[in-house]
Amino acid sequence: MNTWQMQEAKARLSEVVKLAELDGPQDITLHGRSVAVVLSRAAYQRLSGQRASLTDFMQASPLHGLEDELPFERNDSLTRDIGF
């Protein structure tokens, strides 16, 4: 984890945020004491337990909105016997 002094983190905030996304959490110190951590959105959601709903997941699918264009073929073969 990279450590940044508060003053430097303020001056280079965009770099701190990019590094949080690429390299992981970024530690912010004030007077030599760790006071904050900058996380990527993905890391925050993992840690906080926030998950997308099933509806959000389905709407994010590349197949969303293609209901009339998708050919779903049904297998009309007879069932088979299974021994128990």
PDB file of N, CA and C in Angstrom:
ATOM      1  N   MET A   1       0.856  -1.176   0.000  1.00  0.00           N
ATOM      2  CA  MET A   1       0.000   0.000   0.000  1.00  0.00           C
ATOM      3  C   MET A   1       0.899   1.235   0.000  1.00  0.00           C
ATOM      4  N   ASN A   2       0.629   2.135  -0.925  1.00  0.00           N
ATOM      5  CA  ASN A   2       1.375   3.394  -0.971  1.00  0.00           C
ATOM      6  C   ASN A   2       0.909   4.315   0.155  1.00  0.00           C
ATOM      7  N   THR A   3       1.838   5.089   0.697  1.00  0.00           N
ATOM      8  CA  THR A   3       1.516   6.044   1.753  1.00  0.00           C
ATOM      9  C   THR A   3       1.759   7.455   1.238  1.00  0.00           C
ATOM     10  N   TRP A   4       0.777   8.319   1.483  1.00  0.00           N
ATOM     11  CA  TRP A   4       0.845   9.710   1.035  1.00  0.00           C
ATOM     12  C   TRP A   4       0.644  10.625   2.228  1.00  0.00           C
ATOM     13  N   GLN A   5       1.445  11.691   2.301  1.00  0.00           N
ATOM     14  CA  GLN A   5       1.173  12.726   3.281  1.00  0.00           C
ATOM     15  C   GLN A   5      -0.036  13.514   2.787  1.00  0.00           C
ATOM     16  N   MET A   6      -0.846  13.995   3.692  1.00  0.00           N
ATOM     17  CA  MET A   6      -2.082  14.690   3.335  1.00  0.00           C
ATOM     18  C   MET A   6      -1.844  15.790   2.301  1.00  0.00           C
ATOM     19  N   GLN A   7      -0.855  16.607   2.527  1.00  0.00           N
ATOM     20  CA  GLN A   7      -0.578  17.731   1.638  1.00  0.00           C
ATOM     21  C   GLN A   7      -0.271  17.235   0.222  1.00  0.00           C
ATOM     22  N   GLU A   8       0.529  16.172   0.117  1.00  0.00           N
ATOM     23  CA  GLU A   8       0.880  15.622  -1.189  1.00  0.00           C
ATOM     24  C   GLU A   8      -0.335  14.962  -1.843  1.00  0.00           C
ATOM     25  N   ALA A   9      -1.138  14.261  -1.055  1.00  0.00           N
ATOM     26  CA  ALA A   9      -2.335  13.612  -1.582  1.00  0.00           C
ATOM     27  C   ALA A   9      -3.319  14.641  -2.134  1.00  0.00           C
ATOM     28  N   LYS A  10      -3.456  15.766  -1.449  1.00  0.00           N
ATOM     29  CA  LYS A  10      -4.342  16.832  -1.938  1.00  0.00           C
ATOM     30  C   LYS A  10      -3.837  17.394  -3.263  1.00  0.00           C
ATOM     31  N   ALA A  11      -2.534  17.590  -3.349  1.00  0.00           N
ATOM     32  CA  ALA A  11      -1.948  18.173  -4.557  1.00  0.00           C
ATOM     33  C   ALA A  11      -1.989  17.207  -5.738  1.00  0.00           C
ATOM     34  N   ARG A  12      -1.975  15.898  -5.457  1.00  0.00           N
ATOM     35  CA  ARG A  12      -1.921  14.896  -6.525  1.00  0.00           C
ATOM     36  C   ARG A  12      -3.105  13.936  -6.451  1.00  0.00           C
ATOM     37  N   LEU A  13      -4.278  14.474  -6.140  1.00  0.00           N
ATOM     38  CA  LEU A  13      -5.464  13.649  -5.914  1.00  0.00           C
ATOM     39  C   LEU A  13      -5.781  12.735  -7.096  1.00  0.00           C
ATOM     40  N   SER A  14      -5.708  13.244  -8.316  1.00  0.00           N
ATOM     41  CA  SER A  14      -6.050  12.401  -9.472  1.00  0.00           C
ATOM     42  C   SER A  14      -5.108  11.207  -9.559  1.00  0.00           C
ATOM     43  N   GLU A  15      -3.834  11.397  -9.242  1.00  0.00           N
ATOM     44  CA  GLU A  15      -2.881  10.282  -9.252  1.00  0.00           C
ATOM     45  C   GLU A  15      -3.195   9.291  -8.133  1.00  0.00           C
ATOM     46  N   VAL A  16      -3.553   9.788  -6.962  1.00  0.00           N
ATOM     47  CA  VAL A  16      -3.912   8.911  -5.838  1.00  0.00           C
ATOM     48  C   VAL A  16      -5.112   8.048  -6.207  1.00  0.00           C
ATOM     49  N   VAL A  17      -6.109   8.642  -6.834  1.00  0.00           N
ATOM     50  CA  VAL A  17      -7.313   7.905  -7.220  1.00  0.00           C
ATOM     51  C   VAL A  17      -6.983   6.854  -8.281  1.00  0.00           C
ATOM     52  N   LYS A  18      -6.201   7.236  -9.281  1.00  0.00           N
ATOM     53  CA  LYS A  18      -5.820   6.273 -10.327  1.00  0.00           C
ATOM     54  C   LYS A  18      -5.040   5.107  -9.738  1.00  0.00           C
ATOM     55  N   LEU A  19      -4.118   5.395  -8.828  1.00  0.00           N
ATOM     56  CA  LEU A  19      -3.350   4.322  -8.196  1.00  0.00           C
ATOM     57  C   LEU A  19      -4.229   3.428  -7.325  1.00  0.00           C
ATOM     58  N   ALA A  20      -5.246   4.003  -6.700  1.00  0.00           N
ATOM     59  CA  ALA A  20      -6.175   3.193  -5.901  1.00  0.00           C
ATOM     60  C   ALA A  20      -6.885   2.186  -6.800  1.00  0.00           C
ATOM     61  N   GLU A  21      -7.206   2.607  -8.005  1.00  0.00           N
ATOM     62  CA  GLU A  21      -7.890   1.709  -8.939  1.00  0.00           C
ATOM     63  C   GLU A  21      -6.937   0.665  -9.510  1.00  0.00           C
ATOM     64  N   LEU A  22      -5.706   1.068  -9.806  1.00  0.00           N
ATOM     65  CA  LEU A  22      -4.756   0.163 -10.453  1.00  0.00           C
ATOM     66  C   LEU A  22      -3.952  -0.700  -9.483  1.00  0.00           C
ATOM     67  N   ASP A  23      -3.496  -0.107  -8.378  1.00  0.00           N
ATOM     68  CA  ASP A  23      -2.581  -0.788  -7.465  1.00  0.00           C
ATOM     69  C   ASP A  23      -3.178  -1.167  -6.123  1.00  0.00           C
ATOM     70  N   GLY A  24      -4.363  -0.681  -5.816  1.00  0.00           N
ATOM     71  CA  GLY A  24      -4.974  -1.008  -4.536  1.00  0.00           C
ATOM     72  C   GLY A  24      -5.039   0.196  -3.617  1.00  0.00           C
ATOM     73  N   PRO A  25      -5.420  -0.031  -2.374  1.00  0.00           N
ATOM     74  CA  PRO A  25      -5.642   1.058  -1.414  1.00  0.00           C
ATOM     75  C   PRO A  25      -4.433   1.978  -1.259  1.00  0.00           C
ATOM     76  N   GLN A  26      -4.723   3.256  -1.041  1.00  0.00           N
ATOM     77  CA  GLN A  26      -3.698   4.282  -0.845  1.00  0.00           C
ATOM     78  C   GLN A  26      -3.897   4.884   0.553  1.00  0.00           C
ATOM     79  N   ASP A  27      -2.858   4.833   1.359  1.00  0.00           N
ATOM     80  CA  ASP A  27      -2.915   5.301   2.746  1.00  0.00           C
ATOM     81  C   ASP A  27      -2.594   6.798   2.793  1.00  0.00           C
ATOM     82  N   ILE A  28      -3.397   7.557   3.522  1.00  0.00           N
ATOM     83  CA  ILE A  28      -3.185   8.999   3.695  1.00  0.00           C
ATOM     84  C   ILE A  28      -2.799   9.249   5.158  1.00  0.00           C
ATOM     85  N   THR A  29      -1.691   9.984   5.364  1.00  0.00           N
ATOM     86  CA  THR A  29      -1.246  10.275   6.726  1.00  0.00           C
ATOM     87  C   THR A  29      -1.314  11.769   7.000  1.00  0.00           C
ATOM     88  N   LEU A  30      -1.516  12.094   8.271  1.00  0.00           N
ATOM     89  CA  LEU A  30      -1.512  13.476   8.732  1.00  0.00           C
ATOM     90  C   LEU A  30      -0.644  13.515   9.983  1.00  0.00           C
ATOM     91  N   HIS A  31       0.421  14.297   9.943  1.00  0.00           N
ATOM     92  CA  HIS A  31       1.384  14.377  11.049  1.00  0.00           C
ATOM     93  C   HIS A  31       1.920  12.991  11.407  1.00  0.00           C
ATOM     94  N   GLY A  32       2.189  12.175  10.359  1.00  0.00           N
ATOM     95  CA  GLY A  32       2.769  10.851  10.553  1.00  0.00           C
ATOM     96  C   GLY A  32       1.812   9.780  11.016  1.00  0.00           C
ATOM     97  N   ARG A  33       0.528  10.112  11.146  1.00  0.00           N
ATOM     98  CA  ARG A  33      -0.483   9.157  11.627  1.00  0.00           C
ATOM     99  C   ARG A  33      -1.448   8.834  10.494  1.00  0.00           C
ATOM    100  N   SER A  34      -1.698   7.569  10.248  1.00  0.00           N
ATOM    101  CA  SER A  34      -2.631   7.150   9.200  1.00  0.00           C
ATOM    102  C   SER A  34      -4.045   7.607   9.563  1.00  0.00           C
ATOM    103  N   VAL A  35      -4.669   8.392   8.658  1.00  0.00           N
ATOM    104  CA  VAL A  35      -5.995   8.938   8.960  1.00  0.00           C
ATOM    105  C   VAL A  35      -7.063   8.531   7.941  1.00  0.00           C
ATOM    106  N   ALA A  36      -6.646   8.058   6.764  1.00  0.00           N
ATOM    107  CA  ALA A  36      -7.629   7.711   5.747  1.00  0.00           C
ATOM    108  C   ALA A  36      -7.016   6.744   4.744  1.00  0.00           C
ATOM    109  N   VAL A  37      -7.895   6.057   4.030  1.00  0.00           N
ATOM    110  CA  VAL A  37      -7.473   5.158   2.958  1.00  0.00           C
ATOM    111  C   VAL A  37      -8.362   5.443   1.754  1.00  0.00           C
ATOM    112  N   VAL A  38      -7.741   5.606   0.595  1.00  0.00           N
ATOM    113  CA  VAL A  38      -8.484   5.800  -0.647  1.00  0.00           C
ATOM    114  C   VAL A  38      -8.593   4.440  -1.329  1.00  0.00           C
ATOM    115  N   LEU A  39      -9.849   4.035  -1.618  1.00  0.00           N
ATOM    116  CA  LEU A  39     -10.128   2.747  -2.259  1.00  0.00           C
ATOM    117  C   LEU A  39     -10.760   2.958  -3.618  1.00  0.00           C
ATOM    118  N   SER A  40     -10.603   1.976  -4.494  1.00  0.00           N
ATOM    119  CA  SER A  40     -11.354   1.995  -5.743  1.00  0.00           C
ATOM    120  C   SER A  40     -12.813   1.681  -5.425  1.00  0.00           C
ATOM    121  N   ARG A  41     -13.710   2.016  -6.329  1.00  0.00           N
ATOM    122  CA  ARG A  41     -15.137   1.721  -6.141  1.00  0.00           C
ATOM    123  C   ARG A  41     -15.343   0.213  -6.019  1.00  0.00           C
ATOM    124  N   ALA A  42     -14.646  -0.570  -6.834  1.00  0.00           N
ATOM    125  CA  ALA A  42     -14.802  -2.030  -6.793  1.00  0.00           C
ATOM    126  C   ALA A  42     -14.381  -2.590  -5.433  1.00  0.00           C
ATOM    127  N   ALA A  43     -13.265  -2.105  -4.900  1.00  0.00           N
ATOM    128  CA  ALA A  43     -12.812  -2.575  -3.593  1.00  0.00           C
ATOM    129  C   ALA A  43     -13.796  -2.187  -2.502  1.00  0.00           C
ATOM    130  N   TYR A  44     -14.312  -0.982  -2.581  1.00  0.00           N
ATOM    131  CA  TYR A  44     -15.294  -0.525  -1.593  1.00  0.00           C
ATOM    132  C   TYR A  44     -16.542  -1.404  -1.624  1.00  0.00           C
ATOM    133  N   GLN A  45     -17.044  -1.691  -2.814  1.00  0.00           N
ATOM    134  CA  GLN A  45     -18.253  -2.508  -2.919  1.00  0.00           C
ATOM    135  C   GLN A  45     -18.014  -3.915  -2.392  1.00  0.00           C
ATOM    136  N   ARG A  46     -16.833  -4.478  -2.676  1.00  0.00           N
ATOM    137  CA  ARG A  46     -16.506  -5.807  -2.141  1.00  0.00           C
ATOM    138  C   ARG A  46     -16.500  -5.788  -0.618  1.00  0.00           C
ATOM    139  N   LEU A  47     -15.858  -4.777  -0.042  1.00  0.00           N
ATOM    140  CA  LEU A  47     -15.744  -4.708   1.414  1.00  0.00           C
ATOM    141  C   LEU A  47     -17.060  -4.382   2.106  1.00  0.00           C
ATOM    142  N   SER A  48     -17.891  -3.569   1.460  1.00  0.00           N
ATOM    143  CA  SER A  48     -19.141  -3.157   2.094  1.00  0.00           C
ATOM    144  C   SER A  48     -20.280  -4.132   1.830  1.00  0.00           C
ATOM    145  N   GLY A  49     -20.031  -5.124   0.987  1.00  0.00           N
ATOM    146  CA  GLY A  49     -21.073  -6.114   0.711  1.00  0.00           C
ATOM    147  C   GLY A  49     -22.138  -5.631  -0.248  1.00  0.00           C
ATOM    148  N   GLN A  50     -21.915  -4.511  -0.890  1.00  0.00           N
ATOM    149  CA  GLN A  50     -22.894  -4.012  -1.855  1.00  0.00           C
ATOM    150  C   GLN A  50     -22.782  -4.827  -3.134  1.00  0.00           C
ATOM    151  N   ARG A  51     -23.871  -5.388  -3.534  1.00  0.00           N
ATOM    152  CA  ARG A  51     -23.914  -6.187  -4.756  1.00  0.00           C
ATOM    153  C   ARG A  51     -24.993  -5.615  -5.664  1.00  0.00           C
ATOM    154  N   ALA A  52     -24.801  -5.777  -6.946  1.00  0.00           N
ATOM    155  CA  ALA A  52     -25.814  -5.351  -7.906  1.00  0.00           C
ATOM    156  C   ALA A  52     -27.020  -6.283  -7.787  1.00  0.00           C
ATOM    157  N   SER A  53     -28.191  -5.753  -8.024  1.00  0.00           N
ATOM    158  CA  SER A  53     -29.389  -6.575  -7.975  1.00  0.00           C
ATOM    159  C   SER A  53     -29.446  -7.457  -9.220  1.00  0.00           C
ATOM    160  N   LEU A  54     -30.296  -8.466  -9.187  1.00  0.00           N
ATOM    161  CA  LEU A  54     -30.464  -9.341 -10.344  1.00  0.00           C
ATOM    162  C   LEU A  54     -30.944  -8.538 -11.549  1.00  0.00           C
ATOM    163  N   THR A  55     -31.806  -7.570 -11.307  1.00  0.00           N
ATOM    164  CA  THR A  55     -32.302  -6.722 -12.394  1.00  0.00           C
ATOM    165  C   THR A  55     -31.160  -5.948 -13.031  1.00  0.00           C
ATOM    166  N   ASP A  56     -30.293  -5.354 -12.225  1.00  0.00           N
ATOM    167  CA  ASP A  56     -29.137  -4.626 -12.755  1.00  0.00           C
ATOM    168  C   ASP A  56     -28.230  -5.552 -13.559  1.00  0.00           C
ATOM    169  N   PHE A  57     -28.016  -6.760 -13.039  1.00  0.00           N
ATOM    170  CA  PHE A  57     -27.179  -7.738 -13.727  1.00  0.00           C
ATOM    171  C   PHE A  57     -27.766  -8.094 -15.089  1.00  0.00           C
ATOM    172  N   MET A  58     -29.073  -8.358 -15.131  1.00  0.00           N
ATOM    173  CA  MET A  58     -29.721  -8.733 -16.391  1.00  0.00           C
ATOM    174  C   MET A  58     -29.714  -7.575 -17.392  1.00  0.00           C
ATOM    175  N   GLN A  59     -29.918  -6.355 -16.897  1.00  0.00           N
ATOM    176  CA  GLN A  59     -29.932  -5.198 -17.789  1.00  0.00           C
ATOM    177  C   GLN A  59     -28.540  -4.881 -18.329  1.00  0.00           C
ATOM    178  N   ALA A  60     -27.499  -5.303 -17.631  1.00  0.00           N
ATOM    179  CA  ALA A  60     -26.135  -5.077 -18.092  1.00  0.00           C
ATOM    180  C   ALA A  60     -25.701  -6.116 -19.126  1.00  0.00           C
ATOM    181  N   SER A  61     -26.511  -7.142 -19.337  1.00  0.00           N
ATOM    182  CA  SER A  61     -26.179  -8.191 -20.291  1.00  0.00           C
ATOM    183  C   SER A  61     -26.151  -7.641 -21.716  1.00  0.00           C
ATOM    184  N   PRO A  62     -25.215  -8.110 -22.531  1.00  0.00           N
ATOM    185  CA  PRO A  62     -25.207  -7.679 -23.940  1.00  0.00           C
ATOM    186  C   PRO A  62     -26.436  -8.173 -24.697  1.00  0.00           C
ATOM    187  N   LEU A  63     -27.171  -9.109 -24.119  1.00  0.00           N
ATOM    188  CA  LEU A  63     -28.380  -9.634 -24.770  1.00  0.00           C
ATOM    189  C   LEU A  63     -29.632  -8.844 -24.400  1.00  0.00           C
ATOM    190  N   HIS A  64     -29.505  -7.891 -23.466  1.00  0.00           N
ATOM    191  CA  HIS A  64     -30.662  -7.105 -23.028  1.00  0.00           C
ATOM    192  C   HIS A  64     -31.270  -6.344 -24.207  1.00  0.00           C
ATOM    193  N   GLY A  65     -32.560  -6.482 -24.386  1.00  0.00           N
ATOM    194  CA  GLY A  65     -33.263  -5.770 -25.445  1.00  0.00           C
ATOM    195  C   GLY A  65     -33.323  -6.525 -26.763  1.00  0.00           C
ATOM    196  N   LEU A  66     -32.805  -7.748 -26.802  1.00  0.00           N
ATOM    197  CA  LEU A  66     -32.798  -8.512 -28.048  1.00  0.00           C
ATOM    198  C   LEU A  66     -33.814  -9.651 -28.038  1.00  0.00           C
ATOM    199  N   GLU A  67     -34.880  -9.535 -27.247  1.00  0.00           N
ATOM    200  CA  GLU A  67     -35.829 -10.637 -27.069  1.00  0.00           C
ATOM    201  C   GLU A  67     -36.366 -11.183 -28.393  1.00  0.00           C
ATOM    202  N   ASP A  68     -36.700 -10.322 -29.323  1.00  0.00           N
ATOM    203  CA  ASP A  68     -37.305 -10.762 -30.578  1.00  0.00           C
ATOM    204  C   ASP A  68     -36.275 -11.287 -31.569  1.00  0.00           C
ATOM    205  N   GLU A  69     -35.009 -11.044 -31.329  1.00  0.00           N
ATOM    206  CA  GLU A  69     -33.983 -11.407 -32.291  1.00  0.00           C
ATOM    207  C   GLU A  69     -33.237 -12.690 -31.919  1.00  0.00           C
ATOM    208  N   LEU A  70     -33.476 -13.239 -30.733  1.00  0.00           N
ATOM    209  CA  LEU A  70     -32.742 -14.417 -30.301  1.00  0.00           C
ATOM    210  C   LEU A  70     -33.503 -15.693 -30.660  1.00  0.00           C
ATOM    211  N   PRO A  71     -32.909 -16.540 -31.488  1.00  0.00           N
ATOM    212  CA  PRO A  71     -33.587 -17.799 -31.833  1.00  0.00           C
ATOM    213  C   PRO A  71     -33.297 -18.873 -30.781  1.00  0.00           C
ATOM    214  N   PHE A  72     -34.279 -19.184 -29.978  1.00  0.00           N
ATOM    215  CA  PHE A  72     -34.133 -20.261 -29.007  1.00  0.00           C
ATOM    216  C   PHE A  72     -34.760 -21.504 -29.602  1.00  0.00           C
ATOM    217  N   GLU A  73     -33.928 -22.513 -29.838  1.00  0.00           N
ATOM    218  CA  GLU A  73     -34.428 -23.755 -30.430  1.00  0.00           C
ATOM    219  C   GLU A  73     -34.736 -24.751 -29.326  1.00  0.00           C
ATOM    220  N   ARG A  74     -35.858 -25.395 -29.457  1.00  0.00           N
ATOM    221  CA  ARG A  74     -36.276 -26.371 -28.467  1.00  0.00           C
ATOM    222  C   ARG A  74     -35.979 -27.768 -28.977  1.00  0.00           C
ATOM    223  N   ASN A  75     -35.463 -28.620 -28.105  1.00  0.00           N
ATOM    224  CA  ASN A  75     -35.191 -30.005 -28.445  1.00  0.00           C
ATOM    225  C   ASN A  75     -36.477 -30.792 -28.283  1.00  0.00           C
ATOM    226  N   ASP A  76     -37.020 -31.312 -29.386  1.00  0.00           N
ATOM    227  CA  ASP A  76     -38.294 -32.036 -29.359  1.00  0.00           C
ATOM    228  C   ASP A  76     -38.116 -33.544 -29.262  1.00  0.00           C
ATOM    229  N   SER A  77     -36.905 -34.019 -28.971  1.00  0.00           N
ATOM    230  CA  SER A  77     -36.685 -35.456 -28.878  1.00  0.00           C
ATOM    231  C   SER A  77     -37.425 -36.013 -27.657  1.00  0.00           C
ATOM    232  N   LEU A  78     -37.700 -37.306 -27.720  1.00  0.00           N
ATOM    233  CA  LEU A  78     -38.409 -37.968 -26.632  1.00  0.00           C
ATOM    234  C   LEU A  78     -37.501 -38.059 -25.406  1.00  0.00           C
ATOM    235  N   THR A  79     -38.136 -38.202 -24.263  1.00  0.00           N
ATOM    236  CA  THR A  79     -37.354 -38.350 -23.042  1.00  0.00           C
ATOM    237  C   THR A  79     -36.722 -39.712 -22.998  1.00  0.00           C
ATOM    238  N   ARG A  80     -35.736 -39.890 -22.181  1.00  0.00           N
ATOM    239  CA  ARG A  80     -35.072 -41.189 -22.082  1.00  0.00           C
ATOM    240  C   ARG A  80     -35.330 -41.789 -20.704  1.00  0.00           C
ATOM    241  N   ASP A  81     -35.252 -43.091 -20.646  1.00  0.00           N
ATOM    242  CA  ASP A  81     -35.437 -43.799 -19.375  1.00  0.00           C
ATOM    243  C   ASP A  81     -34.143 -43.742 -18.580  1.00  0.00           C
ATOM    244  N   ILE A  82     -34.299 -43.467 -17.293  1.00  0.00           N
ATOM    245  CA  ILE A  82     -33.149 -43.432 -16.408  1.00  0.00           C
ATOM    246  C   ILE A  82     -33.421 -44.425 -15.285  1.00  0.00           C
ATOM    247  N   GLY A  83     -32.477 -45.311 -15.065  1.00  0.00           N
ATOM    248  CA  GLY A  83     -32.641 -46.323 -14.022  1.00  0.00           C
ATOM    249  C   GLY A  83     -32.245 -45.780 -12.664  1.00  0.00           C
ATOM    250  N   PHE A  84     -33.061 -46.052 -11.672  1.00  0.00           N
ATOM    251  CA  PHE A  84     -32.751 -45.617 -10.317  1.00  0.00           C
ATOM    252  C   PHE A  84     -32.439 -46.795  -9.438  1.00  0.00           C
TER     253      PHE A  84
END
